Amino acid sequence: MASSPTIPAITHVAVTVTDLEASEAWYTMVLGVEPVLDEDTGPFRHIVYAIGNTLLGLHGFPDLVSRQPFDERRPGLDHIAFGCESRSDLEKWAARLDELGVVHGEIVDAHYGSGLSFRDPDNIALELFAPPA
């Protein structure tokens, strides 16, 4: 009997932003890498970053339905988490975000790992996450 396939790894995540140029500058600064793609597809323009084995895309639509800031309490995306190897990496990231002037929360420790939360220019919730020690 054939086994059922399992869902493969996530290859990319894309978020819609209100100001593509401002978001590109912010993400390039915070991520510390340049985009690998900047393409106008017609219905939208997208800028893409390679983060480990995953692509992170920023989509800019000329005809946005709303300019309302992101709110994770609405159905859809809650947040995007980037993996760190250890809690000490989160401490280094907190210092880096401070240097960049990016507002962030405190490192929160839980039995399943530790997280450091911050937001992009559209208020999209982002997190750096490390597994438990």
Protein backbone atom coordinates (compact mmCIF):
# COMPACT_ATOMS: atom_id res chain seq x y z
CA MET A 1 0.00 0.00 0.00
CA ALA A 2 1.37 3.44 -0.93
CA SER A 3 2.04 5.80 1.93
CA SER A 4 0.51 9.27 2.00
CA PRO A 5 2.92 12.07 1.15
CA THR A 6 3.87 14.47 3.92
CA ILE A 7 3.81 18.19 3.35
CA PRO A 8 7.27 19.47 2.33
CA ALA A 9 9.19 22.32 3.97
CA ILE A 10 8.05 25.92 3.59
CA THR A 11 9.98 27.43 0.68
CA HIS A 12 8.84 31.03 0.89
CA VAL A 13 6.68 33.52 2.73
CA ALA A 14 5.47 36.77 1.19
CA VAL A 15 3.94 39.76 2.95
CA THR A 16 2.17 42.73 1.40
CA VAL A 17 3.55 46.11 2.44
CA THR A 18 2.22 49.65 2.00
CA ASP A 19 5.52 51.29 0.95
CA LEU A 20 7.80 48.87 -0.88
CA GLU A 21 10.82 51.18 -0.97
CA ALA A 22 10.63 51.93 2.78
CA SER A 23 10.15 48.25 3.59
CA GLU A 24 13.05 47.23 1.34
CA ALA A 25 15.36 49.67 3.13
CA TRP A 26 14.17 48.48 6.56
CA TYR A 27 14.38 44.73 5.82
CA THR A 28 17.79 45.11 4.13
CA MET A 29 19.07 46.97 7.20
CA VAL A 30 17.61 44.52 9.73
CA LEU A 31 18.33 41.28 7.86
CA GLY A 32 21.81 42.42 6.88
CA VAL A 33 21.49 40.99 3.37
CA GLU A 34 20.58 42.39 -0.04
CA PRO A 35 17.53 41.15 -1.96
CA VAL A 36 18.11 38.34 -4.45
CA LEU A 37 15.21 39.41 -6.68
CA ASP A 38 13.37 42.62 -7.52
CA GLU A 39 10.71 42.02 -10.13
CA ASP A 40 7.57 43.74 -11.37
CA THR A 41 5.13 41.00 -12.34
CA GLY A 42 2.39 43.36 -13.54
CA PRO A 43 -0.18 42.94 -10.77
CA PHE A 44 2.49 43.59 -8.10
CA ARG A 45 6.19 44.21 -7.62
CA HIS A 46 8.10 41.91 -5.31
CA ILE A 47 11.44 42.07 -3.58
CA VAL A 48 12.79 38.77 -2.28
CA TYR A 49 15.42 37.89 0.32
CA ALA A 50 17.13 34.51 0.79
CA ILE A 51 17.03 33.62 4.49
CA GLY A 52 18.59 30.19 5.03
CA ASN A 53 16.56 27.78 2.91
CA THR A 54 13.51 30.05 2.80
CA LEU A 55 12.69 33.05 0.65
CA LEU A 56 11.04 36.09 2.24
CA GLY A 57 9.13 38.25 -0.21
CA LEU A 58 7.81 41.78 0.09
CA HIS A 59 4.88 42.49 -2.22
CA GLY A 60 3.88 45.97 -3.30
CA PHE A 61 0.51 46.36 -5.00
CA PRO A 62 -0.34 49.62 -6.81
CA ASP A 63 -4.02 49.12 -5.89
CA LEU A 64 -3.96 48.19 -2.19
CA VAL A 65 -7.40 47.46 -0.78
CA SER A 66 -6.40 48.99 2.56
CA ARG A 67 -3.52 50.90 4.12
CA GLN A 68 -4.63 49.82 7.58
CA PRO A 69 -1.66 48.64 9.68
CA PHE A 70 -1.17 44.92 10.18
CA ASP A 71 -3.02 43.37 13.12
CA GLU A 72 -2.43 39.73 14.01
CA ARG A 73 -5.92 39.60 15.55
CA ARG A 74 -7.43 39.56 12.06
CA PRO A 75 -7.58 36.20 10.25
CA GLY A 76 -4.43 35.47 8.29
CA LEU A 77 -0.82 35.86 9.26
CA ASP A 78 0.04 36.04 12.96
CA HIS A 79 3.82 36.50 12.79
CA ILE A 80 7.00 35.35 11.07
CA ALA A 81 9.71 33.77 13.20
CA PHE A 82 13.40 33.54 12.27
CA GLY A 83 15.40 30.74 13.89
CA CYS A 84 18.41 31.37 16.10
CA GLU A 85 20.63 28.68 17.54
CA SER A 86 20.65 29.85 21.16
CA ARG A 87 19.35 32.33 23.68
CA SER A 88 22.74 34.08 23.57
CA ASP A 89 22.10 34.70 19.85
CA LEU A 90 18.84 36.41 20.85
CA GLU A 91 20.80 38.65 23.23
CA LYS A 92 23.14 39.59 20.35
CA TRP A 93 20.11 40.32 18.17
CA ALA A 94 18.56 42.51 20.88
CA ALA A 95 21.78 44.55 20.92
CA ARG A 96 21.80 44.74 17.10
CA LEU A 97 18.17 45.89 16.99
CA ASP A 98 19.05 48.55 19.59
CA GLU A 99 21.95 49.73 17.40
CA LEU A 100 19.59 49.95 14.42
CA GLY A 101 16.94 51.84 16.42
CA VAL A 102 14.40 49.02 15.98
CA VAL A 103 11.96 48.85 18.88
CA HIS A 104 11.61 45.35 20.32
CA GLY A 105 10.29 43.53 23.34
CA GLU A 106 12.27 41.70 25.98
CA ILE A 107 13.43 38.13 25.41
CA VAL A 108 10.61 35.87 26.61
CA ASP A 109 11.57 32.41 27.87
CA ALA A 110 9.18 29.46 27.81
CA HIS A 111 9.60 25.70 28.14
CA TYR A 112 9.53 25.34 24.31
CA GLY A 113 12.11 28.07 23.61
CA SER A 114 12.88 31.78 23.81
CA GLY A 115 11.64 34.59 21.60
CA LEU A 116 12.43 38.22 20.84
CA SER A 117 9.60 40.15 19.16
CA PHE A 118 9.68 43.27 17.00
CA ARG A 119 7.65 44.81 14.15
CA ASP A 120 8.31 46.02 10.63
CA PRO A 121 7.21 49.42 9.23
CA ASP A 122 3.70 48.01 8.50
CA ASN A 123 3.43 46.65 12.06
CA ILE A 124 3.90 43.05 10.85
CA ALA A 125 4.90 40.96 13.85
CA LEU A 126 8.36 39.41 13.55
CA GLU A 127 10.20 37.19 16.01
CA LEU A 128 13.64 35.74 16.53
CA PHE A 129 13.26 32.33 18.17
CA ALA A 130 15.72 29.94 19.80
CA PRO A 131 15.03 26.40 21.02
CA PRO A 132 15.26 25.62 24.74
CA ALA A 133 18.77 25.20 26.13
